[in-house]
Amino acid sequence: MFSASDLKKGLKIEIDGAPWVITEFEFCKPGKGTALYRCRMKNMITGIGMEKTYRPTDKIDEANVEEVELDYSYFDGHQYIFSDPVTFEETAVNAETLGDKAYFLLENSTCTFLLYNGQPIDITLPTFIEKEIVETEPGARGNTATNVLKPAKLDNGFEIQVPLFINRGDIVKIDTRTGAYAERVSKAQG
C-alpha cells in the first residue's frame, strides 16, 4: 500500500483491479488548502490513459506486477511456449497477448515478460533480430542513396518496407519495437 507521497513516474499501482503505470507526475501546493498530487497514468493491459489527483492522506494499492525472463521454445499450433531458463517450467502464451510480436520470436531467444497476478500482460523481445527476405522486387544497381522504400516479405510472412537495394535472399536486421527495417546484415549469395 502506497501513500500519495510515494507516487512518482514509473510507479506501478492498482486501480479497480487493473494495473496502471504513472507516466507523468506533478506535486501542486495551492495557496490555500492541502497539497495535491496530480498523476497521468496508463492502463498496462488496455493502454488507455487517465488523469487522477490524490490528496496527501489517500492510500493507493500496489500492483502485483513482476518481470521475469523466459526463453521462447516453440509454437504448438495454438499457443507460444516459453520456458524458464533455470527451472525449465513452461508458460503458454496465446497469440492475442503477443500480437505482431509473434513474428519476431526466434527459438531460444530470451524475452522479458511483465506478469500481473501471474498472467503475462506484456512481452519485451530482443531489440533487434535478423531475418531473410523471401519476396521483393529486384533491386537496381545504384539505388543506394535515396530514401525510397519498397515492400518485402520476411521468411515468416511478415511484410516490411525496405530500401530499393535490398534483394531476395538478403538478411536484414529488424527493430522489434517498431517492426521496421534497420540495416542489411548480408547480401544474398549468387
Foldseek 3Di string as FASTA:
>chain_A
DAFLVPDDAQAWFDDPRFIKGFHDWDWADDPDDFIKIKTWIATLQPRDIDIDIDTRGDDTGHFQKDKAKWFFAQQPPAWTWTAHPPPRDIDTHGCVQCPPLVLVHDGRFIKMFIDTVNHTRHIHGPQKDKWFFADDDAADPPQPPDPDWGWTATPSGDIETDGRHADGQWIFMAGSVVRYTDGTDGHHDD
